[in-house]
Amino acid sequence: MSTPGVQLNPQTGNSRRAPVLQRSHDRPASLDNPRSPRRRAGMPNFEKFAWLFMRFSGVVLVFLALGHLFIGLMWDNGVYRIDFNYVAQRWNSPFWQTWDLLLLWLAQLHGGNGLRVIIDDYSRKDSTRFWLNSLLAVSMTFTLVLGSYVLLTFDANIS
């Protein structure tokens, strides 16, 4: 008298209820076995090191950026003193060259790593992910090379 998947209500004895869910065919295979048997090719523990880099570089960037803003906006006469001569005098000092190079490299790598994570999270196709990551790598390389070149080869006697 009992049909499979249909249960009688114990109170009334004749009411029917919907079939029981959560059978093996109702659940996606990824939920039953969430771990992939294959490892991704590449550097092992890369994501762990990238995560640690984001935390440490973020702390260093806070101090570098706030120091840069304080010196540029509030120190001495603020933005009114910033001109070519101010930049030339500042970039003649190895301390300020190192400060600005560190700020450039950390900000670029920190932001690029963040964009890499966003690309990995939101790109659906592997080809899209590849081309977006390639575009990101080219733009980051261009910015780092050009910015480092300007900082290291700046000539104060150009005028």
C-alpha atoms as a PDB file:
ATOM      1  CA  MET A   1       0.000   0.000   0.000  1.00  0.00           C
ATOM      2  CA  SER A   2       2.961   2.264   0.454  1.00  0.00           C
ATOM      3  CA  THR A   3       4.515   3.816  -2.653  1.00  0.00           C
ATOM      4  CA  PRO A   4       8.213   4.687  -2.683  1.00  0.00           C
ATOM      5  CA  GLY A   5       8.967   8.317  -1.857  1.00  0.00           C
ATOM      6  CA  VAL A   6       5.516   8.985  -0.369  1.00  0.00           C
ATOM      7  CA  GLN A   7       4.934   8.876   3.359  1.00  0.00           C
ATOM      8  CA  LEU A   8       1.673   8.894   5.249  1.00  0.00           C
ATOM      9  CA  ASN A   9       1.015  11.522   7.838  1.00  0.00           C
ATOM     10  CA  PRO A  10       0.938   9.784  11.250  1.00  0.00           C
ATOM     11  CA  GLN A  11      -1.827  12.065  12.590  1.00  0.00           C
ATOM     12  CA  THR A  12      -4.415  11.675   9.834  1.00  0.00           C
ATOM     13  CA  GLY A  13      -3.153   8.503   8.239  1.00  0.00           C
ATOM     14  CA  ASN A  14      -4.080   9.480   4.689  1.00  0.00           C
ATOM     15  CA  SER A  15      -2.316  12.780   3.860  1.00  0.00           C
ATOM     16  CA  ARG A  16       0.459  12.649   1.358  1.00  0.00           C
ATOM     17  CA  ARG A  17       3.688  14.568   1.537  1.00  0.00           C
ATOM     18  CA  ALA A  18       6.296  15.465  -1.086  1.00  0.00           C
ATOM     19  CA  PRO A  19       9.134  13.009  -1.743  1.00  0.00           C
ATOM     20  CA  VAL A  20      12.108  13.236   0.574  1.00  0.00           C
ATOM     21  CA  LEU A  21      14.886  15.415  -0.817  1.00  0.00           C
ATOM     22  CA  GLN A  22      18.644  15.167  -0.401  1.00  0.00           C
ATOM     23  CA  ARG A  23      19.120  12.001  -2.307  1.00  0.00           C
ATOM     24  CA  SER A  24      22.440  11.488  -3.996  1.00  0.00           C
ATOM     25  CA  HIS A  25      21.124  12.668  -7.379  1.00  0.00           C
ATOM     26  CA  ASP A  26      19.685  15.879  -5.879  1.00  0.00           C
ATOM     27  CA  ARG A  27      23.026  17.174  -4.653  1.00  0.00           C
ATOM     28  CA  PRO A  28      25.825  18.419  -6.896  1.00  0.00           C
ATOM     29  CA  ALA A  29      28.875  16.181  -6.819  1.00  0.00           C
ATOM     30  CA  SER A  30      31.017  19.096  -5.674  1.00  0.00           C
ATOM     31  CA  LEU A  31      29.083  19.318  -2.400  1.00  0.00           C
ATOM     32  CA  ASP A  32      29.589  15.661  -1.582  1.00  0.00           C
ATOM     33  CA  ASN A  33      33.280  15.701  -2.465  1.00  0.00           C
ATOM     34  CA  PRO A  34      34.542  19.308  -2.256  1.00  0.00           C
ATOM     35  CA  ARG A  35      38.263  18.559  -2.589  1.00  0.00           C
ATOM     36  CA  SER A  36      39.700  18.148  -6.025  1.00  0.00           C
ATOM     37  CA  PRO A  37      42.002  15.148  -6.453  1.00  0.00           C
ATOM     38  CA  ARG A  38      44.332  17.188  -8.699  1.00  0.00           C
ATOM     39  CA  ARG A  39      46.636  19.963  -7.564  1.00  0.00           C
ATOM     40  CA  ARG A  40      46.930  23.108  -9.618  1.00  0.00           C
ATOM     41  CA  ALA A  41      50.161  23.476 -11.498  1.00  0.00           C
ATOM     42  CA  GLY A  42      52.521  26.147 -10.268  1.00  0.00           C
ATOM     43  CA  MET A  43      54.245  27.166  -7.094  1.00  0.00           C
ATOM     44  CA  PRO A  44      53.035  25.312  -3.996  1.00  0.00           C
ATOM     45  CA  ASN A  45      51.693  27.573  -1.231  1.00  0.00           C
ATOM     46  CA  PHE A  46      51.585  30.578  -3.583  1.00  0.00           C
ATOM     47  CA  GLU A  47      48.203  31.702  -2.261  1.00  0.00           C
ATOM     48  CA  LYS A  48      49.459  31.531   1.323  1.00  0.00           C
ATOM     49  CA  PHE A  49      52.464  33.705   0.485  1.00  0.00           C
ATOM     50  CA  ALA A  50      50.275  36.109  -1.496  1.00  0.00           C
ATOM     51  CA  TRP A  51      47.907  36.375   1.472  1.00  0.00           C
ATOM     52  CA  LEU A  52      50.802  37.088   3.844  1.00  0.00           C
ATOM     53  CA  PHE A  53      52.254  39.639   1.414  1.00  0.00           C
ATOM     54  CA  MET A  54      48.932  41.487   1.316  1.00  0.00           C
ATOM     55  CA  ARG A  55      48.833  41.754   5.110  1.00  0.00           C
ATOM     56  CA  PHE A  56      52.438  42.877   5.606  1.00  0.00           C
ATOM     57  CA  SER A  57      52.554  45.199   2.609  1.00  0.00           C
ATOM     58  CA  GLY A  58      49.279  46.782   3.711  1.00  0.00           C
ATOM     59  CA  VAL A  59      50.755  47.679   7.098  1.00  0.00           C
ATOM     60  CA  VAL A  60      53.922  49.114   5.529  1.00  0.00           C
ATOM     61  CA  LEU A  61      51.882  50.993   2.901  1.00  0.00           C
ATOM     62  CA  VAL A  62      49.804  52.706   5.584  1.00  0.00           C
ATOM     63  CA  PHE A  63      52.940  54.233   7.109  1.00  0.00           C
ATOM     64  CA  LEU A  64      54.537  55.080   3.756  1.00  0.00           C
ATOM     65  CA  ALA A  65      51.391  56.670   2.317  1.00  0.00           C
ATOM     66  CA  LEU A  66      50.471  58.601   5.469  1.00  0.00           C
ATOM     67  CA  GLY A  67      54.058  59.845   5.759  1.00  0.00           C
ATOM     68  CA  HIS A  68      54.015  60.870   2.104  1.00  0.00           C
ATOM     69  CA  LEU A  69      50.716  62.732   2.552  1.00  0.00           C
ATOM     70  CA  PHE A  70      51.830  64.416   5.775  1.00  0.00           C
ATOM     71  CA  ILE A  71      55.085  65.670   4.277  1.00  0.00           C
ATOM     72  CA  GLY A  72      53.443  66.732   1.023  1.00  0.00           C
ATOM     73  CA  LEU A  73      50.325  68.383   2.426  1.00  0.00           C
ATOM     74  CA  MET A  74      51.080  69.650   5.933  1.00  0.00           C
ATOM     75  CA  TRP A  75      54.821  69.975   6.435  1.00  0.00           C
ATOM     76  CA  ASP A  76      56.405  73.435   6.056  1.00  0.00           C
ATOM     77  CA  ASN A  77      54.131  75.252   3.578  1.00  0.00           C
ATOM     78  CA  GLY A  78      52.073  72.335   2.295  1.00  0.00           C
ATOM     79  CA  VAL A  79      51.321  71.923  -1.384  1.00  0.00           C
ATOM     80  CA  TYR A  80      52.334  75.502  -2.188  1.00  0.00           C
ATOM     81  CA  ARG A  81      56.030  74.632  -2.009  1.00  0.00           C
ATOM     82  CA  ILE A  82      55.836  71.641  -4.371  1.00  0.00           C
ATOM     83  CA  ASP A  83      57.389  72.424  -7.749  1.00  0.00           C
ATOM     84  CA  PHE A  84      60.155  71.047  -9.957  1.00  0.00           C
ATOM     85  CA  ASN A  85      62.905  72.307  -7.635  1.00  0.00           C
ATOM     86  CA  TYR A  86      61.280  70.664  -4.608  1.00  0.00           C
ATOM     87  CA  VAL A  87      61.040  67.311  -6.412  1.00  0.00           C
ATOM     88  CA  ALA A  88      64.608  67.641  -7.735  1.00  0.00           C
ATOM     89  CA  GLN A  89      65.938  68.387  -4.251  1.00  0.00           C
ATOM     90  CA  ARG A  90      63.945  65.555  -2.727  1.00  0.00           C
ATOM     91  CA  TRP A  91      64.988  62.956  -5.325  1.00  0.00           C
ATOM     92  CA  ASN A  92      68.665  63.856  -4.930  1.00  0.00           C
ATOM     93  CA  SER A  93      68.507  62.206  -1.505  1.00  0.00           C
ATOM     94  CA  PRO A  94      68.906  58.394  -1.480  1.00  0.00           C
ATOM     95  CA  PHE A  95      66.497  58.255   1.480  1.00  0.00           C
ATOM     96  CA  TRP A  96      63.630  59.831  -0.489  1.00  0.00           C
ATOM     97  CA  GLN A  97      64.431  57.822  -3.602  1.00  0.00           C
ATOM     98  CA  THR A  98      64.218  54.640  -1.531  1.00  0.00           C
ATOM     99  CA  TRP A  99      61.013  55.865   0.165  1.00  0.00           C
ATOM    100  CA  ASP A 100      59.318  56.626  -3.152  1.00  0.00           C
ATOM    101  CA  LEU A 101      60.582  53.434  -4.822  1.00  0.00           C
ATOM    102  CA  LEU A 102      59.294  51.354  -1.923  1.00  0.00           C
ATOM    103  CA  LEU A 103      55.962  53.173  -2.068  1.00  0.00           C
ATOM    104  CA  LEU A 104      55.723  52.621  -5.838  1.00  0.00           C
ATOM    105  CA  TRP A 105      56.649  48.925  -5.755  1.00  0.00           C
ATOM    106  CA  LEU A 106      54.560  47.990  -2.724  1.00  0.00           C
ATOM    107  CA  ALA A 107      51.490  49.902  -3.923  1.00  0.00           C
ATOM    108  CA  GLN A 108      51.729  48.409  -7.417  1.00  0.00           C
ATOM    109  CA  LEU A 109      52.285  44.829  -6.244  1.00  0.00           C
ATOM    110  CA  HIS A 110      49.644  45.122  -3.501  1.00  0.00           C
ATOM    111  CA  GLY A 111      47.037  46.480  -5.916  1.00  0.00           C
ATOM    112  CA  GLY A 112      48.004  44.033  -8.652  1.00  0.00           C
ATOM    113  CA  ASN A 113      47.687  41.087  -6.299  1.00  0.00           C
ATOM    114  CA  GLY A 114      44.274  42.331  -5.211  1.00  0.00           C
ATOM    115  CA  LEU A 115      43.160  42.604  -8.838  1.00  0.00           C
ATOM    116  CA  ARG A 116      44.540  39.111  -9.525  1.00  0.00           C
ATOM    117  CA  VAL A 117      42.341  37.733  -6.738  1.00  0.00           C
ATOM    118  CA  ILE A 118      39.295  39.593  -8.095  1.00  0.00           C
ATOM    119  CA  ILE A 119      39.997  38.242 -11.599  1.00  0.00           C
ATOM    120  CA  ASP A 120      40.258  34.696 -10.217  1.00  0.00           C
ATOM    121  CA  ASP A 121      37.013  35.104  -8.279  1.00  0.00           C
ATOM    122  CA  TYR A 122      34.851  36.615 -11.009  1.00  0.00           C
ATOM    123  CA  SER A 123      36.111  35.290 -14.346  1.00  0.00           C
ATOM    124  CA  ARG A 124      34.126  32.270 -15.445  1.00  0.00           C
ATOM    125  CA  LYS A 125      36.172  31.007 -18.372  1.00  0.00           C
ATOM    126  CA  ASP A 126      39.828  30.022 -18.268  1.00  0.00           C
ATOM    127  CA  SER A 127      40.565  31.984 -21.429  1.00  0.00           C
ATOM    128  CA  THR A 128      39.079  35.156 -19.922  1.00  0.00           C
ATOM    129  CA  ARG A 129      41.107  34.631 -16.767  1.00  0.00           C
ATOM    130  CA  PHE A 130      44.281  34.128 -18.829  1.00  0.00           C
ATOM    131  CA  TRP A 131      43.830  37.292 -20.903  1.00  0.00           C
ATOM    132  CA  LEU A 132      42.865  39.471 -17.939  1.00  0.00           C
ATOM    133  CA  ASN A 133      45.844  38.215 -15.920  1.00  0.00           C
ATOM    134  CA  SER A 134      48.109  38.793 -18.933  1.00  0.00           C
ATOM    135  CA  LEU A 135      46.828  42.350 -19.334  1.00  0.00           C
ATOM    136  CA  LEU A 136      47.330  42.928 -15.617  1.00  0.00           C
ATOM    137  CA  ALA A 137      50.910  41.599 -15.741  1.00  0.00           C
ATOM    138  CA  VAL A 138      51.793  43.768 -18.753  1.00  0.00           C
ATOM    139  CA  SER A 139      50.337  46.926 -17.204  1.00  0.00           C
ATOM    140  CA  MET A 140      52.018  46.270 -13.850  1.00  0.00           C
ATOM    141  CA  THR A 141      55.374  45.613 -15.517  1.00  0.00           C
ATOM    142  CA  PHE A 142      55.055  48.758 -17.627  1.00  0.00           C
ATOM    143  CA  THR A 143      54.185  50.919 -14.615  1.00  0.00           C
ATOM    144  CA  LEU A 144      56.939  49.478 -12.410  1.00  0.00           C
ATOM    145  CA  VAL A 145      59.639  49.752 -15.078  1.00  0.00           C
ATOM    146  CA  LEU A 146      58.672  53.268 -16.132  1.00  0.00           C
ATOM    147  CA  GLY A 147      58.217  54.516 -12.551  1.00  0.00           C
ATOM    148  CA  SER A 148      61.521  53.023 -11.405  1.00  0.00           C
ATOM    149  CA  TYR A 149      63.283  54.449 -14.457  1.00  0.00           C
ATOM    150  CA  VAL A 150      61.992  57.958 -13.720  1.00  0.00           C
ATOM    151  CA  LEU A 151      62.906  57.741 -10.039  1.00  0.00           C
ATOM    152  CA  LEU A 152      66.397  56.366 -10.566  1.00  0.00           C
ATOM    153  CA  THR A 153      67.467  58.420 -13.590  1.00  0.00           C
ATOM    154  CA  PHE A 154      65.895  61.753 -12.657  1.00  0.00           C
ATOM    155  CA  ASP A 155      68.182  64.625 -13.649  1.00  0.00           C
ATOM    156  CA  ALA A 156      67.783  67.753 -11.551  1.00  0.00           C
ATOM    157  CA  ASN A 157      69.893  69.807 -13.989  1.00  0.00           C
ATOM    158  CA  ILE A 158      67.526  69.355 -16.912  1.00  0.00           C
ATOM    159  CA  SER A 159      66.357  72.975 -16.991  1.00  0.00           C
END
